[in-house]
Amino acid sequence: MAAQAQRRLPEWLKVKAPGGRNYLELRQIIKGGRLHTVCEEAHCPNIGECWDRKTATFMVLGDICTRACTYCAVDTGKPLPVDALEPVRLAETVHTLGLRYVVITSVDRDDLPDGGASIFAQCISRIHKRVPDCKVEVLIPDFQGDWQALASVMDARPQTLNHNIETVRRVFPRVRHRGDYDLSLELLARAKELVPNAVTKSGMMVGLGEAWEEILETMRDLRAVDCDLLTIGQYLRPSSKHTPLARWYTPDEFRELQEEGQAMGFRHVASGPLVRSSYRADEQHEAATKVRV
């Protein structure tokens, strides 16, 4: 009975199927630019809403990941060679769409010497040059602790540096066996050391079997490295091959987590069943910069 209840999607997680005019137009432009989006690859439930607002999270460095995190819908395998012209096409697409805030992420590319950091840096620089008033947020992997790679990304001056902690310390090794909880925290700390006024951000999922106090502990760990922005959303199991769902969190619980985060000193906390790391990222960044002192 419990398993059946877990499979039944709560009303608060049901969304309208995508298909508006802007959605269809954006899909054609992205396809024409031979680009990938995490919206599609990760089966994001917000794709209809975001694409209808003409916002998308671009995924560079291909659509095949070198890791196999047990919560993620992105394919794992041997990636294709790096496309050196991808930053150029991305900048042109951002210009064509008239975007003023763009989020760039990637698969993990442990096969590359710098983990793909140079492509991130080029994407940021190209967009800033092509669309000077466009703000850029990057959601980066851990680069396996290569701090020179991180420095190259920070040197390009993204407006927001995002790296997701994803889950609590105890659950982390079970779902991210090729990552490291403390390494992720160190990355966020080092980003601040490199660019002290940078806006840093992280995100986590709930529903993987964590305890409430463990969520609060992770939030405190993020504040300890001066993380500015936080997103918290419900884990949605991509398939029966992925980590089982432990439970659904209610909208009231997400509101409570938001209040806890604000009390801890995060500049902005986006917490809700359908919140993902780049959901309405432009609004979150704007809210954070308004409270900067």
C-alpha atoms as a PDB file:
ATOM      1  CA  MET A   1       0.000   0.000   0.000  1.00  0.00           C
ATOM      2  CA  ALA A   2       2.844   2.412   0.863  1.00  0.00           C
ATOM      3  CA  ALA A   3       4.529   1.762  -2.486  1.00  0.00           C
ATOM      4  CA  GLN A   4       1.238   2.390  -4.283  1.00  0.00           C
ATOM      5  CA  ALA A   5       0.837   5.706  -2.442  1.00  0.00           C
ATOM      6  CA  GLN A   6       4.346   6.744  -3.472  1.00  0.00           C
ATOM      7  CA  ARG A   7       3.594   6.060  -7.129  1.00  0.00           C
ATOM      8  CA  ARG A   8       0.429   8.165  -7.003  1.00  0.00           C
ATOM      9  CA  LEU A   9       1.383  11.738  -7.823  1.00  0.00           C
ATOM     10  CA  PRO A  10      -0.007  14.257  -5.299  1.00  0.00           C
ATOM     11  CA  GLU A  11      -2.250  16.977  -6.688  1.00  0.00           C
ATOM     12  CA  TRP A  12       0.332  19.669  -5.924  1.00  0.00           C
ATOM     13  CA  LEU A  13       2.816  17.997  -8.305  1.00  0.00           C
ATOM     14  CA  LYS A  14       0.534  17.821 -11.327  1.00  0.00           C
ATOM     15  CA  VAL A  15       1.403  20.307 -14.071  1.00  0.00           C
ATOM     16  CA  LYS A  16      -0.100  21.293 -17.407  1.00  0.00           C
ATOM     17  CA  ALA A  17       1.394  19.574 -20.446  1.00  0.00           C
ATOM     18  CA  PRO A  18       3.703  21.881 -22.442  1.00  0.00           C
ATOM     19  CA  GLY A  19       2.592  23.224 -25.784  1.00  0.00           C
ATOM     20  CA  GLY A  20       2.161  27.019 -25.836  1.00  0.00           C
ATOM     21  CA  ARG A  21       3.286  29.199 -28.736  1.00  0.00           C
ATOM     22  CA  ASN A  22       6.470  30.356 -27.005  1.00  0.00           C
ATOM     23  CA  TYR A  23       7.272  26.785 -26.007  1.00  0.00           C
ATOM     24  CA  LEU A  24       7.052  25.566 -29.603  1.00  0.00           C
ATOM     25  CA  GLU A  25       9.059  28.531 -30.920  1.00  0.00           C
ATOM     26  CA  LEU A  26      11.818  28.085 -28.345  1.00  0.00           C
ATOM     27  CA  ARG A  27      12.020  24.356 -29.080  1.00  0.00           C
ATOM     28  CA  GLN A  28      12.603  25.098 -32.759  1.00  0.00           C
ATOM     29  CA  ILE A  29      15.280  27.716 -32.044  1.00  0.00           C
ATOM     30  CA  ILE A  30      17.156  25.396 -29.674  1.00  0.00           C
ATOM     31  CA  LYS A  31      16.942  22.561 -32.166  1.00  0.00           C
ATOM     32  CA  GLY A  32      18.175  24.861 -34.932  1.00  0.00           C
ATOM     33  CA  GLY A  33      21.149  25.875 -32.805  1.00  0.00           C
ATOM     34  CA  ARG A  34      22.002  22.194 -32.175  1.00  0.00           C
ATOM     35  CA  LEU A  35      21.914  22.824 -28.445  1.00  0.00           C
ATOM     36  CA  HIS A  36      20.780  20.733 -25.484  1.00  0.00           C
ATOM     37  CA  THR A  37      18.736  21.805 -22.474  1.00  0.00           C
ATOM     38  CA  VAL A  38      18.627  20.210 -19.054  1.00  0.00           C
ATOM     39  CA  CYS A  39      14.890  20.918 -19.202  1.00  0.00           C
ATOM     40  CA  GLU A  40      14.543  18.108 -21.741  1.00  0.00           C
ATOM     41  CA  GLU A  41      17.362  15.790 -20.704  1.00  0.00           C
ATOM     42  CA  ALA A  42      16.413  15.725 -17.011  1.00  0.00           C
ATOM     43  CA  HIS A  43      12.653  15.540 -17.707  1.00  0.00           C
ATOM     44  CA  CYS A  44      12.019  18.744 -15.744  1.00  0.00           C
ATOM     45  CA  PRO A  45       8.345  19.146 -14.740  1.00  0.00           C
ATOM     46  CA  ASN A  46       8.565  22.922 -15.246  1.00  0.00           C
ATOM     47  CA  ILE A  47       9.514  22.804 -18.921  1.00  0.00           C
ATOM     48  CA  GLY A  48       6.119  24.065 -20.097  1.00  0.00           C
ATOM     49  CA  GLU A  49       6.031  27.030 -17.730  1.00  0.00           C
ATOM     50  CA  CYS A  50       9.661  28.047 -18.240  1.00  0.00           C
ATOM     51  CA  TRP A  51       9.731  27.664 -22.005  1.00  0.00           C
ATOM     52  CA  ASP A  52       6.478  29.563 -22.293  1.00  0.00           C
ATOM     53  CA  ARG A  53       8.299  32.410 -20.448  1.00  0.00           C
ATOM     54  CA  LYS A  54      11.149  31.986 -22.973  1.00  0.00           C
ATOM     55  CA  THR A  55      13.614  30.863 -20.329  1.00  0.00           C
ATOM     56  CA  ALA A  56      15.657  27.693 -20.524  1.00  0.00           C
ATOM     57  CA  THR A  57      18.702  26.081 -18.930  1.00  0.00           C
ATOM     58  CA  PHE A  58      21.226  25.207 -21.600  1.00  0.00           C
ATOM     59  CA  MET A  59      23.313  22.081 -21.191  1.00  0.00           C
ATOM     60  CA  VAL A  60      26.747  22.274 -22.801  1.00  0.00           C
ATOM     61  CA  LEU A  61      29.380  19.591 -23.432  1.00  0.00           C
ATOM     62  CA  GLY A  62      26.903  17.119 -24.859  1.00  0.00           C
ATOM     63  CA  ASP A  63      24.105  15.054 -23.372  1.00  0.00           C
ATOM     64  CA  ILE A  64      26.045  11.991 -22.168  1.00  0.00           C
ATOM     65  CA  CYS A  65      27.402  12.032 -18.612  1.00  0.00           C
ATOM     66  CA  THR A  66      30.495  10.204 -17.359  1.00  0.00           C
ATOM     67  CA  ARG A  67      28.910   9.588 -13.969  1.00  0.00           C
ATOM     68  CA  ALA A  68      25.830   7.599 -13.015  1.00  0.00           C
ATOM     69  CA  CYS A  69      24.123   9.375 -10.125  1.00  0.00           C
ATOM     70  CA  THR A  70      21.197   7.181  -9.139  1.00  0.00           C
ATOM     71  CA  TYR A  71      18.621  10.003  -9.060  1.00  0.00           C
ATOM     72  CA  CYS A  72      19.404  11.528 -12.466  1.00  0.00           C
ATOM     73  CA  ALA A  73      17.631  10.960 -15.791  1.00  0.00           C
ATOM     74  CA  VAL A  74      20.579  12.056 -17.974  1.00  0.00           C
ATOM     75  CA  ASP A  75      22.184   9.234 -19.999  1.00  0.00           C
ATOM     76  CA  THR A  76      25.533   7.811 -18.898  1.00  0.00           C
ATOM     77  CA  GLY A  77      28.225   6.549 -21.252  1.00  0.00           C
ATOM     78  CA  LYS A  78      31.175   7.642 -23.362  1.00  0.00           C
ATOM     79  CA  PRO A  79      30.657  11.282 -24.413  1.00  0.00           C
ATOM     80  CA  LEU A  80      31.340  12.677 -27.868  1.00  0.00           C
ATOM     81  CA  PRO A  81      34.323  14.992 -28.450  1.00  0.00           C
ATOM     82  CA  VAL A  82      33.945  18.606 -27.319  1.00  0.00           C
ATOM     83  CA  ASP A  83      32.224  20.887 -29.825  1.00  0.00           C
ATOM     84  CA  ALA A  84      34.485  23.957 -29.929  1.00  0.00           C
ATOM     85  CA  LEU A  85      31.816  26.057 -31.664  1.00  0.00           C
ATOM     86  CA  GLU A  86      29.131  25.393 -29.063  1.00  0.00           C
ATOM     87  CA  PRO A  87      29.830  28.641 -27.121  1.00  0.00           C
ATOM     88  CA  VAL A  88      29.397  30.639 -30.345  1.00  0.00           C
ATOM     89  CA  ARG A  89      26.070  28.972 -31.189  1.00  0.00           C
ATOM     90  CA  LEU A  90      24.876  29.383 -27.621  1.00  0.00           C
ATOM     91  CA  ALA A  91      25.630  33.110 -27.607  1.00  0.00           C
ATOM     92  CA  GLU A  92      23.806  33.536 -30.920  1.00  0.00           C
ATOM     93  CA  THR A  93      20.786  31.643 -29.591  1.00  0.00           C
ATOM     94  CA  VAL A  94      20.699  33.814 -26.462  1.00  0.00           C
ATOM     95  CA  HIS A  95      20.787  36.883 -28.737  1.00  0.00           C
ATOM     96  CA  THR A  96      18.058  35.505 -31.004  1.00  0.00           C
ATOM     97  CA  LEU A  97      15.811  34.794 -28.016  1.00  0.00           C
ATOM     98  CA  GLY A  98      16.475  38.215 -26.510  1.00  0.00           C
ATOM     99  CA  LEU A  99      17.324  36.699 -23.133  1.00  0.00           C
ATOM    100  CA  ARG A 100      18.434  38.879 -20.232  1.00  0.00           C
ATOM    101  CA  TYR A 101      19.249  36.018 -17.871  1.00  0.00           C
ATOM    102  CA  VAL A 102      20.556  32.634 -18.909  1.00  0.00           C
ATOM    103  CA  VAL A 103      21.518  29.494 -16.995  1.00  0.00           C
ATOM    104  CA  ILE A 104      24.220  27.171 -18.322  1.00  0.00           C
ATOM    105  CA  THR A 105      24.926  23.719 -16.942  1.00  0.00           C
ATOM    106  CA  SER A 106      26.597  20.564 -18.198  1.00  0.00           C
ATOM    107  CA  VAL A 107      26.904  16.862 -17.808  1.00  0.00           C
ATOM    108  CA  ASP A 108      29.919  15.663 -15.817  1.00  0.00           C
ATOM    109  CA  ARG A 109      32.894  15.354 -18.158  1.00  0.00           C
ATOM    110  CA  ASP A 110      35.470  13.491 -16.067  1.00  0.00           C
ATOM    111  CA  ASP A 111      37.079  12.451 -19.352  1.00  0.00           C
ATOM    112  CA  LEU A 112      38.354  16.005 -19.972  1.00  0.00           C
ATOM    113  CA  PRO A 113      41.508  17.384 -18.317  1.00  0.00           C
ATOM    114  CA  ASP A 114      39.660  20.443 -16.961  1.00  0.00           C
ATOM    115  CA  GLY A 115      36.234  18.826 -16.641  1.00  0.00           C
ATOM    116  CA  GLY A 116      34.899  21.180 -19.303  1.00  0.00           C
ATOM    117  CA  ALA A 117      35.693  24.379 -17.385  1.00  0.00           C
ATOM    118  CA  SER A 118      37.160  26.096 -20.448  1.00  0.00           C
ATOM    119  CA  ILE A 119      33.880  25.654 -22.345  1.00  0.00           C
ATOM    120  CA  PHE A 120      31.948  27.168 -19.448  1.00  0.00           C
ATOM    121  CA  ALA A 121      34.343  30.137 -19.445  1.00  0.00           C
ATOM    122  CA  GLN A 122      34.005  30.604 -23.198  1.00  0.00           C
ATOM    123  CA  CYS A 123      30.203  30.442 -23.000  1.00  0.00           C
ATOM    124  CA  ILE A 124      30.123  33.145 -20.328  1.00  0.00           C
ATOM    125  CA  SER A 125      32.519  35.395 -22.232  1.00  0.00           C
ATOM    126  CA  ARG A 126      30.762  34.906 -25.580  1.00  0.00           C
ATOM    127  CA  ILE A 127      27.350  35.719 -24.119  1.00  0.00           C
ATOM    128  CA  HIS A 128      28.633  38.798 -22.294  1.00  0.00           C
ATOM    129  CA  LYS A 129      30.210  40.013 -25.535  1.00  0.00           C
ATOM    130  CA  ARG A 130      27.227  39.224 -27.783  1.00  0.00           C
ATOM    131  CA  VAL A 131      24.513  40.324 -25.310  1.00  0.00           C
ATOM    132  CA  PRO A 132      26.227  42.731 -22.862  1.00  0.00           C
ATOM    133  CA  ASP A 133      23.175  43.215 -20.639  1.00  0.00           C
ATOM    134  CA  CYS A 134      22.502  39.483 -20.252  1.00  0.00           C
ATOM    135  CA  LYS A 135      23.319  38.005 -16.850  1.00  0.00           C
ATOM    136  CA  VAL A 136      24.789  34.493 -16.783  1.00  0.00           C
ATOM    137  CA  GLU A 137      24.359  31.827 -14.128  1.00  0.00           C
ATOM    138  CA  VAL A 138      26.431  28.660 -14.349  1.00  0.00           C
ATOM    139  CA  LEU A 139      25.517  25.396 -12.648  1.00  0.00           C
ATOM    140  CA  ILE A 140      28.832  23.558 -12.605  1.00  0.00           C
ATOM    141  CA  PRO A 141      30.068  20.069 -11.684  1.00  0.00           C
ATOM    142  CA  ASP A 142      32.749  19.606  -9.013  1.00  0.00           C
ATOM    143  CA  PHE A 143      35.598  19.400 -11.574  1.00  0.00           C
ATOM    144  CA  GLN A 144      36.958  16.596  -9.350  1.00  0.00           C
ATOM    145  CA  GLY A 145      38.483  19.238  -7.106  1.00  0.00           C
ATOM    146  CA  ASP A 146      40.519  20.935  -9.844  1.00  0.00           C
ATOM    147  CA  TRP A 147      40.634  24.448  -8.408  1.00  0.00           C
ATOM    148  CA  GLN A 148      42.429  25.861 -11.434  1.00  0.00           C
ATOM    149  CA  ALA A 149      39.428  24.772 -13.488  1.00  0.00           C
ATOM    150  CA  LEU A 150      37.130  26.566 -11.050  1.00  0.00           C
ATOM    151  CA  ALA A 151      39.325  29.672 -11.250  1.00  0.00           C
ATOM    152  CA  SER A 152      38.991  29.766 -15.034  1.00  0.00           C
ATOM    153  CA  VAL A 153      35.194  29.799 -14.700  1.00  0.00           C
ATOM    154  CA  MET A 154      35.246  32.509 -12.021  1.00  0.00           C
ATOM    155  CA  ASP A 155      37.652  34.612 -14.118  1.00  0.00           C
ATOM    156  CA  ALA A 156      34.892  34.846 -16.753  1.00  0.00           C
ATOM    157  CA  ARG A 157      32.708  36.519 -14.097  1.00  0.00           C
ATOM    158  CA  PRO A 158      29.372  34.697 -14.088  1.00  0.00           C
ATOM    159  CA  GLN A 159      26.721  36.649 -12.191  1.00  0.00           C
ATOM    160  CA  THR A 160      25.824  33.516 -10.188  1.00  0.00           C
ATOM    161  CA  LEU A 161      27.961  30.438  -9.466  1.00  0.00           C
ATOM    162  CA  ASN A 162      25.752  27.450  -8.717  1.00  0.00           C
ATOM    163  CA  HIS A 163      26.886  24.017  -7.555  1.00  0.00           C
ATOM    164  CA  ASN A 164      24.289  21.647  -6.151  1.00  0.00           C
ATOM    165  CA  ILE A 165      24.917  19.736  -2.934  1.00  0.00           C
ATOM    166  CA  GLU A 166      21.848  17.646  -3.999  1.00  0.00           C
ATOM    167  CA  THR A 167      21.254  15.775  -0.720  1.00  0.00           C
ATOM    168  CA  VAL A 168      22.278  15.357   2.901  1.00  0.00           C
ATOM    169  CA  ARG A 169      25.647  14.013   4.043  1.00  0.00           C
ATOM    170  CA  ARG A 170      24.398  10.518   4.995  1.00  0.00           C
ATOM    171  CA  VAL A 171      22.511   9.914   1.741  1.00  0.00           C
ATOM    172  CA  PHE A 172      25.135  11.503  -0.519  1.00  0.00           C
ATOM    173  CA  PRO A 173      27.440   8.450  -1.006  1.00  0.00           C
ATOM    174  CA  ARG A 174      24.453   6.261  -1.890  1.00  0.00           C
ATOM    175  CA  VAL A 175      23.183   8.477  -4.725  1.00  0.00           C
ATOM    176  CA  ARG A 176      26.370  10.322  -5.791  1.00  0.00           C
ATOM    177  CA  HIS A 177      29.018   7.665  -5.353  1.00  0.00           C
ATOM    178  CA  ARG A 178      31.506   9.501  -7.576  1.00  0.00           C
ATOM    179  CA  GLY A 179      31.062  12.823  -5.820  1.00  0.00           C
ATOM    180  CA  ASP A 180      32.011  14.043  -2.355  1.00  0.00           C
ATOM    181  CA  TYR A 181      29.867  16.070   0.039  1.00  0.00           C
ATOM    182  CA  ASP A 182      32.773  17.991   1.559  1.00  0.00           C
ATOM    183  CA  LEU A 183      34.322  18.622  -1.861  1.00  0.00           C
ATOM    184  CA  SER A 184      31.090  20.284  -2.983  1.00  0.00           C
ATOM    185  CA  LEU A 185      31.123  22.531   0.075  1.00  0.00           C
ATOM    186  CA  GLU A 186      34.771  23.375  -0.542  1.00  0.00           C
ATOM    187  CA  LEU A 187      34.011  24.341  -4.144  1.00  0.00           C
ATOM    188  CA  LEU A 188      31.447  26.890  -2.976  1.00  0.00           C
ATOM    189  CA  ALA A 189      33.875  28.243  -0.379  1.00  0.00           C
ATOM    190  CA  ARG A 190      36.694  28.577  -2.921  1.00  0.00           C
ATOM    191  CA  ALA A 191      34.421  30.367  -5.391  1.00  0.00           C
ATOM    192  CA  LYS A 192      33.922  33.073  -2.743  1.00  0.00           C
ATOM    193  CA  GLU A 193      37.654  33.219  -2.084  1.00  0.00           C
ATOM    194  CA  LEU A 194      38.327  33.753  -5.786  1.00  0.00           C
ATOM    195  CA  VAL A 195      35.620  36.415  -6.243  1.00  0.00           C
ATOM    196  CA  PRO A 196      34.476  37.654  -2.809  1.00  0.00           C
ATOM    197  CA  ASN A 197      31.430  39.527  -4.145  1.00  0.00           C
ATOM    198  CA  ALA A 198      30.240  36.606  -6.269  1.00  0.00           C
ATOM    199  CA  VAL A 199      26.710  35.307  -5.721  1.00  0.00           C
ATOM    200  CA  THR A 200      26.891  31.598  -4.876  1.00  0.00           C
ATOM    201  CA  LYS A 201      24.035  29.166  -4.961  1.00  0.00           C
ATOM    202  CA  SER A 202      23.245  25.526  -4.233  1.00  0.00           C
ATOM    203  CA  GLY A 203      20.277  23.204  -4.385  1.00  0.00           C
ATOM    204  CA  MET A 204      19.003  20.001  -2.889  1.00  0.00           C
ATOM    205  CA  MET A 205      16.245  17.450  -3.324  1.00  0.00           C
ATOM    206  CA  VAL A 206      14.144  15.958  -0.556  1.00  0.00           C
ATOM    207  CA  GLY A 207      12.436  12.584  -0.627  1.00  0.00           C
ATOM    208  CA  LEU A 208      15.560  10.384  -0.781  1.00  0.00           C
ATOM    209  CA  GLY A 209      15.235   9.048   2.760  1.00  0.00           C
ATOM    210  CA  GLU A 210      16.764  11.933   4.677  1.00  0.00           C
ATOM    211  CA  ALA A 211      15.580  13.088   8.114  1.00  0.00           C
ATOM    212  CA  TRP A 212      14.288  16.610   8.749  1.00  0.00           C
ATOM    213  CA  GLU A 213      17.215  17.506  11.012  1.00  0.00           C
ATOM    214  CA  GLU A 214      19.624  16.283   8.308  1.00  0.00           C
ATOM    215  CA  ILE A 215      18.090  18.763   5.844  1.00  0.00           C
ATOM    216  CA  LEU A 216      18.621  21.581   8.342  1.00  0.00           C
ATOM    217  CA  GLU A 217      22.189  20.383   8.951  1.00  0.00           C
ATOM    218  CA  THR A 218      22.933  20.562   5.210  1.00  0.00           C
ATOM    219  CA  MET A 219      21.443  24.049   5.041  1.00  0.00           C
ATOM    220  CA  ARG A 220      23.688  25.092   7.922  1.00  0.00           C
ATOM    221  CA  ASP A 221      26.695  23.545   6.157  1.00  0.00           C
ATOM    222  CA  LEU A 222      25.928  25.670   3.097  1.00  0.00           C
ATOM    223  CA  ARG A 223      25.624  28.835   5.152  1.00  0.00           C
ATOM    224  CA  ALA A 224      28.955  28.007   6.798  1.00  0.00           C
ATOM    225  CA  VAL A 225      30.628  28.451   3.391  1.00  0.00           C
ATOM    226  CA  ASP A 226      28.672  31.688   2.812  1.00  0.00           C
ATOM    227  CA  CYS A 227      26.305  30.268   0.181  1.00  0.00           C
ATOM    228  CA  ASP A 228      23.854  33.028  -0.776  1.00  0.00           C
ATOM    229  CA  LEU A 229      20.989  31.300  -2.574  1.00  0.00           C
ATOM    230  CA  LEU A 230      19.260  27.973  -2.001  1.00  0.00           C
ATOM    231  CA  THR A 231      16.728  25.882  -3.893  1.00  0.00           C
ATOM    232  CA  ILE A 232      14.865  22.929  -2.375  1.00  0.00           C
ATOM    233  CA  GLY A 233      12.575  20.671  -4.390  1.00  0.00           C
ATOM    234  CA  GLN A 234      10.873  17.296  -4.364  1.00  0.00           C
ATOM    235  CA  TYR A 235      12.798  14.302  -5.727  1.00  0.00           C
ATOM    236  CA  LEU A 236      10.909  12.720  -8.606  1.00  0.00           C
ATOM    237  CA  ARG A 237      12.078   9.230  -9.522  1.00  0.00           C
ATOM    238  CA  PRO A 238      12.869   9.181 -13.274  1.00  0.00           C
ATOM    239  CA  SER A 239      12.334   5.419 -13.658  1.00  0.00           C
ATOM    240  CA  SER A 240      12.224   2.127 -11.767  1.00  0.00           C
ATOM    241  CA  LYS A 241      16.006   1.853 -12.266  1.00  0.00           C
ATOM    242  CA  HIS A 242      16.654   4.954 -10.179  1.00  0.00           C
ATOM    243  CA  THR A 243      16.755   5.461  -6.413  1.00  0.00           C
ATOM    244  CA  PRO A 244      13.300   4.775  -4.945  1.00  0.00           C
ATOM    245  CA  LEU A 245      11.249   7.659  -3.619  1.00  0.00           C
ATOM    246  CA  ALA A 246      11.104   7.667   0.182  1.00  0.00           C
ATOM    247  CA  ARG A 247       8.166  10.048   0.580  1.00  0.00           C
ATOM    248  CA  TRP A 248       6.385  13.125  -0.694  1.00  0.00           C
ATOM    249  CA  TYR A 249       6.895  16.406   1.152  1.00  0.00           C
ATOM    250  CA  THR A 250       3.878  18.695   1.469  1.00  0.00           C
ATOM    251  CA  PRO A 251       3.736  22.344   0.381  1.00  0.00           C
ATOM    252  CA  ASP A 252       3.548  23.320   4.072  1.00  0.00           C
ATOM    253  CA  GLU A 253       6.803  21.483   4.765  1.00  0.00           C
ATOM    254  CA  PHE A 254       8.499  23.283   1.892  1.00  0.00           C
ATOM    255  CA  ARG A 255       7.269  26.606   3.266  1.00  0.00           C
ATOM    256  CA  GLU A 256       8.719  25.687   6.653  1.00  0.00           C
ATOM    257  CA  LEU A 257      12.091  24.898   5.044  1.00  0.00           C
ATOM    258  CA  GLN A 258      11.999  28.251   3.272  1.00  0.00           C
ATOM    259  CA  GLU A 259      11.424  30.021   6.571  1.00  0.00           C
ATOM    260  CA  GLU A 260      14.231  28.038   8.214  1.00  0.00           C
ATOM    261  CA  GLY A 261      16.602  29.023   5.412  1.00  0.00           C
ATOM    262  CA  GLN A 262      15.706  32.679   5.620  1.00  0.00           C
ATOM    263  CA  ALA A 263      16.309  32.595   9.378  1.00  0.00           C
ATOM    264  CA  MET A 264      19.746  31.076   8.745  1.00  0.00           C
ATOM    265  CA  GLY A 265      20.718  34.031   6.586  1.00  0.00           C
ATOM    266  CA  PHE A 266      20.334  32.878   2.989  1.00  0.00           C
ATOM    267  CA  ARG A 267      19.662  35.890   0.795  1.00  0.00           C
ATOM    268  CA  HIS A 268      16.904  33.985  -0.963  1.00  0.00           C
ATOM    269  CA  VAL A 269      15.383  30.525  -0.587  1.00  0.00           C
ATOM    270  CA  ALA A 270      13.178  28.977  -3.270  1.00  0.00           C
ATOM    271  CA  SER A 271      11.502  25.965  -1.695  1.00  0.00           C
ATOM    272  CA  GLY A 272       8.590  24.071  -3.195  1.00  0.00           C
ATOM    273  CA  PRO A 273       7.546  20.695  -4.617  1.00  0.00           C
ATOM    274  CA  LEU A 274       8.373  21.682  -8.219  1.00  0.00           C
ATOM    275  CA  VAL A 275      11.354  23.924  -7.516  1.00  0.00           C
ATOM    276  CA  ARG A 276      14.504  22.978  -9.414  1.00  0.00           C
ATOM    277  CA  SER A 277      17.936  24.586  -9.267  1.00  0.00           C
ATOM    278  CA  SER A 278      17.304  26.933 -12.200  1.00  0.00           C
ATOM    279  CA  TYR A 279      13.564  27.497 -11.695  1.00  0.00           C
ATOM    280  CA  ARG A 280      12.896  31.239 -12.072  1.00  0.00           C
ATOM    281  CA  ALA A 281      16.621  31.768 -11.500  1.00  0.00           C
ATOM    282  CA  ASP A 282      16.396  35.331 -12.798  1.00  0.00           C
ATOM    283  CA  GLU A 283      13.887  36.289 -10.116  1.00  0.00           C
ATOM    284  CA  GLN A 284      15.962  34.628  -7.408  1.00  0.00           C
ATOM    285  CA  HIS A 285      19.127  36.453  -8.484  1.00  0.00           C
ATOM    286  CA  GLU A 286      17.301  39.767  -8.590  1.00  0.00           C
ATOM    287  CA  ALA A 287      15.868  39.213  -5.120  1.00  0.00           C
ATOM    288  CA  ALA A 288      19.327  38.341  -3.797  1.00  0.00           C
ATOM    289  CA  THR A 289      21.043  41.403  -5.241  1.00  0.00           C
ATOM    290  CA  LYS A 290      18.367  43.682  -3.782  1.00  0.00           C
ATOM    291  CA  VAL A 291      19.260  42.588  -0.251  1.00  0.00           C
ATOM    292  CA  ARG A 292      23.033  42.740  -0.787  1.00  0.00           C
ATOM    293  CA  VAL A 293      24.667  45.280   1.508  1.00  0.00           C
END
